Amino acid sequence: MYHTFYTTLPSRLFIILFVFIFSSNLTAQINDTSKQAQVTKMFEEAMFMQNINIDSTITLLQNCLIIYEELEDNKGIDETKIKLVTYYVSIGQYHHAYNIAIEMYNRFEQINNTAFQIELLRKLTVLYLIFEQNEKANELVVENFDNLHQISLQSNDSIRLQYKLYSLLAYVEFKANKDYLKAEDAFLKSFHLSMQLADKRTIKFVKLRLADLYVNMYRINDAGKLLSSLMEDSVSIQKPFHAQLFNVMGKYYNKKEELDSSIIYFEKSLTILNATQKHKNTKVNILTSLSQQYFIKENYLKAYNYLKEAKQINESIFGSKSMQNREIFEMKNKYASELKMQKLSILEKEQRILQLRSIVYTGSLFVIIVLILLYLKRKVKIEKLKRQVIQEKQQIEMDKKEEILEVRNKELLSSAMQLLERDNQLDEIKNTLNTLDFKDENKATISKVIQSFKINRSQKWNEFDVHFTAVNHSFFLLLKEMYPSLTKTELKICAFIKLGFSSKEMAQIMGLGVDGINTSRYRIRKKMNINKGCNLIDYIQNIG
């Protein structure tokens, strides 16, 4: 069965397709891994060549950039571009440096590395200062400083990032704004941060920048102390840093008007710069300073040669400082500004849309809340009306019960009154019959009639008592609950009092004497704990 499966044509095609896809993916992974290893090695080689042959370094970095773009490695792309900007600036190819830097700045918010963002600002600031765009340099730093400072405070590498930011701020205040006091304050902050980093190279770099500032401020003694400490440690300093140190030393002695010492250090710096092929802009400044010093010393030939060399280098930098290139720079800058304004315009539109959505959502929420409140209010109103209807029904039922009770009590009262009247009539008839003289044969009959009066009277009052108890049952229950010590007779007397019977009428109905009724009333008052000032009739009428 297995043999048949593998020998069928569809199965073979499936196996070939599976192997092809698997091998393609594997090949792509191997190629990516191979390219990653290749570009890493190439980048390391470029860094090794930076102090030997700057052109080779740039060529290697350009090749690295191509591979990083193929790999879609954004971090590698940004790191390589930053390095290219650095080396283009160092050899005077400012237009290439600016093209890369401004392209990166146009996607500044998309760069997820704060250190890269700060370094990019530093490169752009240097370019603006080279092209004498001091206001633009200051605007660039001021525009981004606060935001980057807040981000750096929350970073794991907070101290290093703050050090870079304050160094950049100090550089702008020093070179662009010529505000030396603010520059000193920023440099001192960066110096304290560098001390926390405990990085000797960083500390030396800040000291050198601060010494350069003090030279320009004519604080010669402060500058001299810093430079002396750097010169004492010059053995451990790398050659590229020597060039910068000797340049500042030349400025220092120039301010002290010690021209010979100044010339020595300027020429030492020039020798290192000639060997490294870097910092052409710095080289032009040194050549110009040497030309001026030799002119003062009346060595006009050397003064002329240095000035001529400075002019040639200046021209060789692809006319980077010519008026034409400055106009191109400003056009690019204008384009970048317009692009940024467009982005801001888009962001503002998006913000307006978000605000509109927010207003719509808020309005909808408000309407929903109002509807809910109206619904709840209506529901409460309906519930209130229902309660009112129930209460009214209950009140009507109570009123009906009270009316029925009142009617029944009236009927009882009427019945009692009729019975009393009938008893009175019967008593009158009985008395009349007792006064008459009947024949002997009629006396037995008359006696039976009188006796029937008594039996009939007793039956009628028993019927009244049953009916009276049934009608006032709830009243009796309430009284028993309130005053459990009341007897049956006392309960009946209370009911008669509520119906409005007098003591005499109660005595006739109950077959008791008036004194007996009054005695019962006294006991009732005592058991109910009624004060002398309170009327018993009123008190009982209010019960139930």
Protein backbone atom coordinates (compact mmCIF):
# COMPACT_ATOMS: atom_id res chain seq x y z
CA MET A 1 0.00 0.00 0.00
CA TYR A 2 2.81 2.42 0.89
CA HIS A 3 4.61 1.60 -2.35
CA THR A 4 1.46 2.42 -4.35
CA PHE A 5 1.04 5.73 -2.48
CA TYR A 6 4.54 6.97 -3.19
CA THR A 7 4.46 5.89 -6.83
CA THR A 8 1.25 7.75 -7.71
CA LEU A 9 1.71 10.97 -9.70
CA PRO A 10 -0.26 13.35 -7.37
CA SER A 11 1.71 12.13 -4.40
CA ARG A 12 4.99 12.73 -6.18
CA LEU A 13 3.91 16.26 -7.13
CA PHE A 14 2.90 16.95 -3.52
CA ILE A 15 6.25 15.73 -2.21
CA ILE A 16 8.16 17.80 -4.78
CA LEU A 17 6.12 20.92 -3.94
CA PHE A 18 6.61 20.42 -0.19
CA VAL A 19 10.38 19.93 -0.59
CA PHE A 20 10.59 23.01 -2.85
CA ILE A 21 8.70 25.26 -0.39
CA PHE A 22 10.65 23.94 2.59
CA SER A 23 13.97 24.32 0.80
CA SER A 24 13.03 27.85 -0.38
CA ASN A 25 12.18 28.95 3.18
CA LEU A 26 15.31 27.29 4.51
CA THR A 27 17.39 28.94 1.79
CA ALA A 28 15.86 32.35 2.58
CA GLN A 29 16.60 31.89 6.28
CA ILE A 30 20.14 30.79 5.51
CA ASN A 31 20.59 33.77 3.16
CA ASP A 32 19.27 36.20 5.81
CA THR A 33 21.55 34.69 8.43
CA SER A 34 24.46 34.83 6.00
CA LYS A 35 23.70 38.46 5.12
CA GLN A 36 23.39 39.39 8.80
CA ALA A 37 26.79 37.88 9.51
CA GLN A 38 28.23 39.58 6.41
CA VAL A 39 26.90 43.05 7.28
CA THR A 40 28.04 42.72 10.90
CA LYS A 41 31.55 41.88 9.77
CA MET A 42 31.49 44.69 7.19
CA PHE A 43 30.35 47.24 9.80
CA GLU A 44 33.15 46.19 12.15
CA GLU A 45 35.65 46.53 9.32
CA ALA A 46 34.34 50.04 8.56
CA MET A 47 34.87 51.06 12.19
CA PHE A 48 38.39 49.65 12.07
CA MET A 49 39.18 51.66 8.92
CA GLN A 50 37.87 55.01 10.21
CA ASN A 51 41.29 56.18 11.45
CA ILE A 52 43.17 54.70 8.48
CA ASN A 53 41.18 55.51 5.35
CA ILE A 54 37.97 57.49 5.70
CA ASP A 55 36.92 56.93 2.07
CA SER A 56 37.07 53.16 2.56
CA THR A 57 35.01 53.53 5.72
CA ILE A 58 32.31 55.45 3.83
CA THR A 59 32.26 52.85 0.99
CA LEU A 60 31.88 50.01 3.47
CA LEU A 61 29.08 51.83 5.31
CA GLN A 62 27.24 52.46 2.03
CA ASN A 63 27.38 48.72 1.32
CA CYS A 64 26.18 48.00 4.86
CA LEU A 65 23.23 50.32 4.29
CA ILE A 66 22.18 48.39 1.15
CA ILE A 67 22.22 45.06 3.04
CA TYR A 68 20.38 46.49 6.08
CA GLU A 69 17.66 47.81 3.75
CA GLU A 70 17.35 44.36 2.13
CA LEU A 71 17.04 42.82 5.61
CA GLU A 72 14.60 45.60 6.64
CA ASP A 73 16.71 46.13 9.76
CA ASN A 74 15.62 49.63 10.87
CA LYS A 75 18.08 49.81 13.75
CA GLY A 76 20.96 48.88 11.44
CA ILE A 77 19.77 51.42 8.86
CA ASP A 78 19.58 54.28 11.38
CA GLU A 79 22.94 53.43 12.97
CA THR A 80 24.66 53.26 9.57
CA LYS A 81 23.11 56.55 8.41
CA ILE A 82 24.23 58.33 11.59
CA LYS A 83 27.79 57.08 10.98
CA LEU A 84 27.67 58.21 7.34
CA VAL A 85 26.56 61.71 8.39
CA THR A 86 29.49 61.84 10.83
CA TYR A 87 32.09 60.87 8.21
CA TYR A 88 30.59 63.03 5.45
CA VAL A 89 30.83 66.02 7.80
CA SER A 90 34.41 65.15 8.74
CA ILE A 91 35.57 65.16 5.07
CA GLY A 92 33.51 68.25 4.19
CA GLN A 93 30.79 66.57 2.10
CA TYR A 94 28.13 68.56 3.87
CA HIS A 95 25.45 68.24 1.21
CA HIS A 96 25.56 64.42 1.43
CA ALA A 97 25.50 64.63 5.22
CA TYR A 98 22.56 67.05 5.19
CA ASN A 99 20.54 64.94 2.71
CA ILE A 100 20.79 61.90 4.98
CA ALA A 101 20.23 63.88 8.19
CA ILE A 102 17.17 65.77 6.95
CA GLU A 103 15.65 62.56 5.55
CA MET A 104 16.02 60.99 8.99
CA TYR A 105 14.64 64.08 10.72
CA ASN A 106 11.51 63.99 8.53
CA ARG A 107 10.70 60.65 10.22
CA PHE A 108 12.06 61.76 13.59
CA GLU A 109 9.06 60.47 15.62
CA GLN A 110 9.38 57.03 13.97
CA ILE A 111 12.93 56.55 15.29
CA ASN A 112 12.41 54.44 18.40
CA ASN A 113 15.89 55.02 19.79
CA THR A 114 16.25 58.18 21.94
CA ALA A 115 20.05 58.05 21.72
CA PHE A 116 19.81 58.05 17.88
CA GLN A 117 17.36 60.97 18.02
CA ILE A 118 19.73 63.05 20.16
CA GLU A 119 22.71 62.15 17.95
CA LEU A 120 20.71 63.13 14.84
CA LEU A 121 19.90 66.52 16.40
CA ARG A 122 23.60 67.01 17.15
CA LYS A 123 24.58 66.25 13.53
CA LEU A 124 21.93 68.59 12.12
CA THR A 125 22.99 71.31 14.59
CA VAL A 126 26.62 71.02 13.42
CA LEU A 127 25.49 71.31 9.79
CA TYR A 128 23.34 74.36 10.52
CA LEU A 129 26.28 76.03 12.28
CA ILE A 130 28.65 75.23 9.39
CA PHE A 131 26.22 76.95 7.04
CA GLU A 132 25.86 79.80 9.54
CA GLN A 133 22.20 79.00 10.19
CA ASN A 134 22.49 79.84 13.89
CA GLU A 135 18.81 80.58 14.45
CA LYS A 136 17.84 77.32 12.79
CA ALA A 137 20.29 75.40 14.97
CA ASN A 138 18.88 77.00 18.13
CA GLU A 139 15.28 76.43 17.00
CA LEU A 140 15.99 72.75 16.29
CA VAL A 141 17.37 72.09 19.78
CA VAL A 142 14.81 74.19 21.68
CA GLU A 143 11.94 72.56 19.77
CA ASN A 144 12.96 69.03 20.78
CA PHE A 145 14.80 69.45 24.09
CA ASP A 146 11.90 69.27 26.59
CA ASN A 147 10.27 66.25 25.01
CA LEU A 148 13.54 64.30 24.76
CA HIS A 149 14.44 65.32 28.31
CA GLN A 150 11.16 63.89 29.64
CA ILE A 151 11.71 60.65 27.70
CA SER A 152 15.32 60.39 28.90
CA LEU A 153 14.22 60.72 32.56
CA GLN A 154 12.13 57.56 32.16
CA SER A 155 14.83 55.61 30.34
CA ASN A 156 17.02 52.89 31.85
CA ASP A 157 20.00 54.79 30.40
CA SER A 158 18.75 58.11 31.82
CA ILE A 159 22.12 59.59 32.91
CA ARG A 160 23.85 59.01 29.56
CA LEU A 161 20.92 60.43 27.59
CA GLN A 162 20.71 63.51 29.81
CA TYR A 163 24.47 63.98 29.46
CA LYS A 164 24.12 63.99 25.66
CA LEU A 165 21.18 66.40 25.79
CA TYR A 166 22.90 68.94 28.05
CA SER A 167 26.08 68.69 25.96
CA LEU A 168 24.02 69.51 22.87
CA LEU A 169 22.28 72.41 24.63
CA ALA A 170 25.65 73.77 25.82
CA TYR A 171 27.08 73.50 22.29
CA VAL A 172 24.16 75.50 20.81
CA GLU A 173 24.34 78.19 23.51
CA PHE A 174 28.12 78.41 22.96
CA LYS A 175 28.38 78.32 19.17
CA ALA A 176 24.98 79.55 17.95
CA ASN A 177 23.67 81.95 20.60
CA LYS A 178 27.02 83.11 22.06
CA ASP A 179 25.33 83.01 25.47
CA TYR A 180 28.38 81.88 27.38
CA LEU A 181 26.75 81.87 30.84
CA LYS A 182 23.96 79.54 29.73
CA ALA A 183 26.53 77.46 27.88
CA GLU A 184 28.63 77.19 31.05
CA ASP A 185 25.59 76.12 33.10
CA ALA A 186 24.70 73.40 30.57
CA PHE A 187 28.34 72.24 30.32
CA LEU A 188 28.60 71.97 34.11
CA LYS A 189 25.41 69.89 34.21
CA SER A 190 26.79 67.60 31.52
CA PHE A 191 30.09 67.42 33.46
CA HIS A 192 28.31 66.26 36.66
CA LEU A 193 26.40 63.68 34.64
CA SER A 194 29.65 62.45 33.03
CA MET A 195 31.13 62.02 36.52
CA GLN A 196 28.17 59.78 37.41
CA LEU A 197 28.84 57.74 34.28
CA ALA A 198 32.47 57.36 35.41
CA ASP A 199 33.55 57.30 31.75
CA LYS A 200 37.04 58.84 31.46
CA ARG A 201 36.69 59.59 27.74
CA THR A 202 33.38 61.41 28.32
CA ILE A 203 34.80 63.40 31.26
CA LYS A 204 37.82 64.50 29.17
CA PHE A 205 35.59 65.54 26.28
CA VAL A 206 33.42 67.76 28.56
CA LYS A 207 36.50 69.29 30.18
CA LEU A 208 37.88 70.16 26.74
CA ARG A 209 34.60 71.78 25.65
CA LEU A 210 34.44 73.73 28.92
CA ALA A 211 38.07 74.86 28.49
CA ASP A 212 37.25 76.04 24.95
CA LEU A 213 34.30 78.03 26.38
CA TYR A 214 36.48 79.61 29.10
CA VAL A 215 39.04 80.64 26.45
CA ASN A 216 36.29 82.49 24.58
CA MET A 217 35.10 84.04 27.86
CA TYR A 218 38.70 85.21 28.58
CA ARG A 219 38.67 83.17 31.79
CA ILE A 220 42.26 82.20 31.09
CA ASN A 221 43.04 80.80 34.55
CA ASP A 222 39.99 78.46 34.55
CA ALA A 223 40.78 77.34 31.01
CA GLY A 224 44.47 76.80 31.94
CA LYS A 225 43.59 74.53 34.89
CA LEU A 226 41.38 72.32 32.76
CA LEU A 227 43.91 72.14 29.91
CA SER A 228 46.76 71.35 32.29
CA SER A 229 44.85 68.38 33.75
CA LEU A 230 44.13 67.15 30.22
CA MET A 231 47.74 67.54 29.10
CA GLU A 232 48.96 65.62 32.15
CA ASP A 233 46.75 62.72 31.10
CA SER A 234 47.52 63.08 27.39
CA VAL A 235 49.36 59.75 27.24
CA SER A 236 46.09 57.85 27.64
CA ILE A 237 44.26 60.07 25.16
CA GLN A 238 43.65 58.77 21.64
CA LYS A 239 45.10 60.61 18.63
CA PRO A 240 41.76 62.04 17.31
CA PHE A 241 41.24 63.70 20.70
CA HIS A 242 44.82 65.09 20.58
CA ALA A 243 43.89 67.11 17.52
CA GLN A 244 41.01 68.80 19.38
CA LEU A 245 43.09 69.28 22.56
CA PHE A 246 46.00 70.90 20.68
CA ASN A 247 43.55 73.13 18.78
CA VAL A 248 42.11 74.47 22.07
CA MET A 249 45.66 74.83 23.45
CA GLY A 250 46.50 76.95 20.40
CA LYS A 251 43.47 79.18 21.10
CA TYR A 252 44.42 79.37 24.78
CA TYR A 253 47.96 80.61 24.09
CA ASN A 254 46.65 82.92 21.39
CA LYS A 255 44.41 84.62 23.99
CA LYS A 256 47.46 84.86 26.29
CA GLU A 257 49.29 86.47 23.33
CA GLU A 258 51.98 83.79 23.49
CA LEU A 259 52.16 83.38 19.73
CA ASP A 260 55.04 80.90 19.61
CA SER A 261 53.30 78.44 21.93
CA SER A 262 50.04 79.00 20.09
CA ILE A 263 51.68 78.23 16.72
CA ILE A 264 53.31 75.07 18.11
CA TYR A 265 49.99 73.62 19.29
CA PHE A 266 48.08 74.69 16.18
CA GLU A 267 50.71 72.98 13.98
CA LYS A 268 50.59 69.83 16.17
CA SER A 269 46.80 69.71 15.71
CA LEU A 270 47.22 70.30 11.96
CA THR A 271 49.66 67.40 11.67
CA ILE A 272 47.18 64.97 13.24
CA LEU A 273 44.31 66.26 11.05
CA ASN A 274 46.42 65.84 7.89
CA ALA A 275 47.07 62.21 8.86
CA THR A 276 43.43 61.36 9.59
CA GLN A 277 41.84 63.33 6.70
CA LYS A 278 39.07 64.37 9.11
CA HIS A 279 37.52 67.61 10.41
CA LYS A 280 38.24 69.71 7.31
CA ASN A 281 36.21 72.59 8.66
CA THR A 282 38.37 72.62 11.83
CA LYS A 283 41.46 72.39 9.62
CA VAL A 284 40.39 75.49 7.68
CA ASN A 285 39.95 77.40 10.98
CA ILE A 286 43.41 76.33 12.22
CA LEU A 287 45.07 77.29 8.90
CA THR A 288 43.37 80.69 9.07
CA SER A 289 44.54 81.21 12.68
CA LEU A 290 48.14 80.22 11.74
CA SER A 291 48.05 82.62 8.79
CA GLN A 292 47.02 85.46 11.12
CA GLN A 293 49.71 84.64 13.68
CA TYR A 294 52.50 84.43 11.11
CA PHE A 295 51.28 87.70 9.66
CA ILE A 296 51.63 89.30 13.12
CA LYS A 297 55.12 87.80 13.37
CA GLU A 298 55.78 89.35 9.91
CA ASN A 299 56.47 85.97 8.34
CA TYR A 300 54.38 86.87 5.31
CA LEU A 301 55.39 83.85 3.22
CA LYS A 302 54.11 81.33 5.77
CA ALA A 303 51.09 83.52 6.39
CA TYR A 304 50.32 83.49 2.66
CA ASN A 305 50.90 79.73 2.27
CA TYR A 306 48.60 78.88 5.17
CA LEU A 307 45.93 81.23 3.90
CA LYS A 308 46.23 79.79 0.39
CA GLU A 309 45.91 76.22 1.72
CA ALA A 310 42.86 77.22 3.75
CA LYS A 311 41.24 78.71 0.65
CA GLN A 312 42.01 75.61 -1.43
CA ILE A 313 40.51 73.27 1.16
CA ASN A 314 37.49 75.52 1.44
CA GLU A 315 36.98 75.36 -2.30
CA SER A 316 37.63 71.62 -2.41
CA ILE A 317 34.71 70.93 -0.12
CA PHE A 318 32.54 70.90 -3.21
CA GLY A 319 31.86 74.60 -2.74
CA SER A 320 29.93 73.66 0.34
CA LYS A 321 30.14 77.20 1.72
CA SER A 322 29.52 78.97 -1.56
CA MET A 323 26.49 81.19 -1.91
CA GLN A 324 24.98 78.81 -4.47
CA ASN A 325 25.22 75.81 -2.13
CA ARG A 326 23.94 77.90 0.72
CA GLU A 327 20.86 78.68 -1.37
CA ILE A 328 20.47 74.96 -2.16
CA PHE A 329 20.77 74.23 1.55
CA GLU A 330 18.10 76.82 2.35
CA MET A 331 15.85 75.37 -0.40
CA LYS A 332 16.23 71.89 1.11
CA ASN A 333 15.61 73.34 4.51
CA LYS A 334 12.51 75.09 3.22
CA TYR A 335 11.32 71.84 1.64
CA ALA A 336 11.91 70.01 4.92
CA SER A 337 9.99 72.74 6.77
CA GLU A 338 7.12 72.53 4.28
CA LEU A 339 7.09 68.76 4.63
CA LYS A 340 6.99 69.13 8.39
CA MET A 341 4.19 71.72 8.08
CA GLN A 342 2.26 69.29 5.90
CA LYS A 343 2.69 66.61 8.52
CA LEU A 344 1.56 69.08 11.20
CA SER A 345 -1.43 70.00 9.03
CA ILE A 346 -2.34 66.31 8.69
CA LEU A 347 -1.91 65.86 12.42
CA GLU A 348 -4.11 68.92 13.07
CA LYS A 349 -6.79 67.51 10.74
CA GLU A 350 -6.60 64.16 12.49
CA GLN A 351 -6.79 66.03 15.81
CA ARG A 352 -9.88 67.91 14.60
CA ILE A 353 -11.45 64.62 13.47
CA LEU A 354 -10.66 63.13 16.88
CA GLN A 355 -12.15 66.20 18.57
CA LEU A 356 -15.24 65.95 16.35
CA ARG A 357 -15.54 62.26 17.18
CA SER A 358 -15.06 63.10 20.84
CA ILE A 359 -17.83 65.74 20.59
CA VAL A 360 -20.14 63.26 18.82
CA TYR A 361 -19.37 60.55 21.36
CA THR A 362 -19.80 62.99 24.24
CA GLY A 363 -23.04 64.30 22.73
CA SER A 364 -24.32 60.76 22.17
CA LEU A 365 -23.36 59.83 25.71
CA PHE A 366 -25.11 62.96 27.00
CA VAL A 367 -28.28 62.13 25.01
CA ILE A 368 -28.18 58.52 26.28
CA ILE A 369 -27.75 59.74 29.86
CA VAL A 370 -30.62 62.23 29.41
CA LEU A 371 -32.84 59.47 27.95
CA ILE A 372 -31.90 57.14 30.80
CA LEU A 373 -32.67 59.88 33.34
CA LEU A 374 -36.00 60.61 31.63
CA TYR A 375 -36.80 56.89 31.59
CA LEU A 376 -35.89 56.56 35.26
CA LYS A 377 -37.90 59.70 36.08
CA ARG A 378 -40.88 58.33 34.15
CA LYS A 379 -40.46 54.95 35.83
CA VAL A 380 -40.33 56.61 39.27
CA LYS A 381 -43.40 58.65 38.36
CA ILE A 382 -45.26 55.50 37.21
CA GLU A 383 -44.22 53.67 40.38
CA LYS A 384 -45.40 56.64 42.43
CA LEU A 385 -48.72 56.65 40.57
CA LYS A 386 -49.04 52.89 41.11
CA ARG A 387 -48.37 53.35 44.82
CA GLN A 388 -50.92 56.17 44.90
CA VAL A 389 -53.49 53.99 43.12
CA ILE A 390 -52.79 51.11 45.54
CA GLN A 391 -52.99 53.47 48.50
CA GLU A 392 -56.22 54.95 47.13
CA LYS A 393 -57.64 51.44 46.62
CA GLN A 394 -56.58 50.49 50.12
CA GLN A 395 -58.09 53.72 51.46
CA ILE A 396 -61.31 53.04 49.53
CA GLU A 397 -61.41 49.51 50.90
CA MET A 398 -60.75 50.82 54.39
CA ASP A 399 -63.40 53.49 53.92
CA LYS A 400 -65.81 50.82 52.65
CA LYS A 401 -65.02 48.60 55.63
CA GLU A 402 -65.50 51.55 57.94
CA GLU A 403 -68.75 52.45 56.17
CA ILE A 404 -69.93 48.83 56.38
CA LEU A 405 -68.90 48.69 60.02
CA GLU A 406 -70.64 51.99 60.66
CA VAL A 407 -73.78 50.74 58.87
CA ARG A 408 -73.72 47.49 60.83
CA ASN A 409 -73.12 49.37 64.04
CA LYS A 410 -76.04 51.64 63.19
CA GLU A 411 -78.12 48.55 62.51
CA LEU A 412 -76.97 47.14 65.85
CA LEU A 413 -77.79 50.44 67.52
CA SER A 414 -81.18 50.52 65.84
CA SER A 415 -81.80 46.88 66.73
CA ALA A 416 -80.74 47.50 70.31
CA MET A 417 -83.00 50.54 70.52
CA GLN A 418 -85.92 48.53 69.07
CA LEU A 419 -85.24 45.75 71.54
CA LEU A 420 -85.13 48.25 74.40
CA GLU A 421 -88.34 49.88 73.19
CA ARG A 422 -89.97 46.45 72.78
CA ASP A 423 -88.81 45.48 76.26
CA ASN A 424 -90.29 48.65 77.64
CA GLN A 425 -93.57 47.96 75.84
CA LEU A 426 -93.58 44.38 77.07
CA ASP A 427 -92.90 45.61 80.59
CA GLU A 428 -95.83 48.02 80.30
CA ILE A 429 -98.07 45.23 78.95
CA LYS A 430 -96.90 42.87 81.70
CA ASN A 431 -97.55 45.53 84.37
CA THR A 432 -100.97 46.27 82.88
CA LEU A 433 -101.86 42.58 82.80
CA ASN A 434 -100.68 42.18 86.39
CA THR A 435 -103.07 44.96 87.51
CA LEU A 436 -106.09 43.44 85.80
CA ASP A 437 -108.37 40.96 87.52
CA PHE A 438 -108.89 37.93 85.30
CA LYS A 439 -111.21 35.07 85.77
CA ASP A 440 -109.66 31.99 87.24
CA GLU A 441 -109.95 30.01 84.04
CA ASN A 442 -107.97 32.78 82.23
CA LYS A 443 -105.19 33.29 84.78
CA ALA A 444 -103.18 30.29 83.58
CA THR A 445 -103.30 31.55 80.00
CA ILE A 446 -102.26 35.09 81.05
CA SER A 447 -99.39 33.67 83.08
CA LYS A 448 -98.18 31.69 80.03
CA VAL A 449 -98.30 34.89 77.91
CA ILE A 450 -96.27 36.83 80.49
CA GLN A 451 -93.75 33.95 80.67
CA SER A 452 -93.44 33.90 76.85
CA PHE A 453 -92.50 37.56 76.99
CA LYS A 454 -89.49 36.66 79.12
CA ILE A 455 -88.41 33.74 76.83
CA ASN A 456 -88.82 35.77 73.66
CA ARG A 457 -86.91 38.70 75.25
CA SER A 458 -84.05 36.43 76.26
CA GLN A 459 -83.77 34.90 72.73
CA LYS A 460 -83.76 38.31 71.06
CA TRP A 461 -80.97 39.62 73.34
CA ASN A 462 -78.91 36.46 72.72
CA GLU A 463 -79.28 36.98 68.96
CA PHE A 464 -78.20 40.61 69.44
CA ASP A 465 -75.16 39.53 71.50
CA VAL A 466 -74.00 37.08 68.77
CA HIS A 467 -74.50 39.69 66.05
CA PHE A 468 -72.83 42.38 68.17
CA THR A 469 -69.75 40.16 68.81
CA ALA A 470 -69.42 39.27 65.08
CA VAL A 471 -69.58 42.92 63.93
CA ASN A 472 -67.07 44.15 66.52
CA HIS A 473 -64.74 41.14 66.30
CA SER A 474 -61.73 43.17 65.03
CA PHE A 475 -62.33 45.78 67.72
CA PHE A 476 -62.33 43.08 70.38
CA LEU A 477 -59.08 41.59 69.00
CA LEU A 478 -57.39 45.02 69.06
CA LEU A 479 -58.52 45.67 72.61
CA LYS A 480 -57.31 42.23 73.73
CA GLU A 481 -53.93 42.88 72.14
CA MET A 482 -53.63 46.32 73.75
CA TYR A 483 -55.19 45.42 77.14
CA PRO A 484 -55.11 41.62 77.64
CA SER A 485 -56.44 41.91 81.25
CA LEU A 486 -59.92 43.06 80.09
CA THR A 487 -62.78 40.58 80.77
CA LYS A 488 -65.54 39.66 78.26
CA THR A 489 -68.03 41.91 80.03
CA GLU A 490 -65.52 44.81 80.01
CA LEU A 491 -64.85 44.22 76.31
CA LYS A 492 -68.62 44.41 75.58
CA ILE A 493 -68.93 47.62 77.63
CA CYS A 494 -66.05 49.13 75.60
CA ALA A 495 -67.87 48.17 72.39
CA PHE A 496 -71.12 49.73 73.66
CA ILE A 497 -69.23 52.90 74.61
CA LYS A 498 -67.79 53.05 71.07
CA LEU A 499 -71.33 52.68 69.66
CA GLY A 500 -72.49 55.57 71.90
CA PHE A 501 -74.68 53.72 74.40
CA SER A 502 -75.27 55.31 77.79
CA SER A 503 -74.70 53.46 81.06
CA LYS A 504 -78.47 53.07 81.53
CA GLU A 505 -78.92 51.57 78.05
CA MET A 506 -75.97 49.22 78.61
CA ALA A 507 -77.49 48.16 81.94
CA GLN A 508 -80.82 47.37 80.27
CA ILE A 509 -79.16 45.46 77.41
CA MET A 510 -76.77 43.48 79.62
CA GLY A 511 -79.25 42.91 82.42
CA LEU A 512 -77.09 44.67 84.98
CA GLY A 513 -77.58 47.59 87.28
CA VAL A 514 -76.34 51.08 86.39
CA ASP A 515 -74.00 50.98 89.39
CA GLY A 516 -72.52 47.72 88.10
CA ILE A 517 -71.89 49.36 84.68
CA ASN A 518 -70.22 52.38 86.32
CA THR A 519 -68.04 50.08 88.43
CA SER A 520 -66.98 48.24 85.24
CA ARG A 521 -66.20 51.58 83.58
CA TYR A 522 -63.96 52.51 86.53
CA ARG A 523 -62.10 49.18 86.23
CA ILE A 524 -61.68 49.72 82.50
CA ARG A 525 -60.12 53.19 83.11
CA LYS A 526 -57.75 51.67 85.64
CA LYS A 527 -56.69 48.79 83.36
CA MET A 528 -56.18 51.21 80.46
CA ASN A 529 -54.22 53.55 82.76
CA ILE A 530 -56.30 56.57 81.70
CA ASN A 531 -55.71 59.85 83.58
CA LYS A 532 -58.56 61.59 85.36
CA GLY A 533 -58.47 64.45 82.91
CA CYS A 534 -59.03 62.12 79.93
CA ASN A 535 -62.59 61.23 78.87
CA LEU A 536 -63.16 57.43 78.61
CA ILE A 537 -65.63 57.80 75.74
CA ASP A 538 -63.22 59.93 73.67
CA TYR A 539 -60.34 57.56 74.42
CA ILE A 540 -62.27 54.43 73.28
CA GLN A 541 -63.69 56.22 70.22
CA ASN A 542 -60.10 56.85 69.01
CA ILE A 543 -59.08 53.17 69.31
CA GLY A 544 -59.02 51.36 65.93
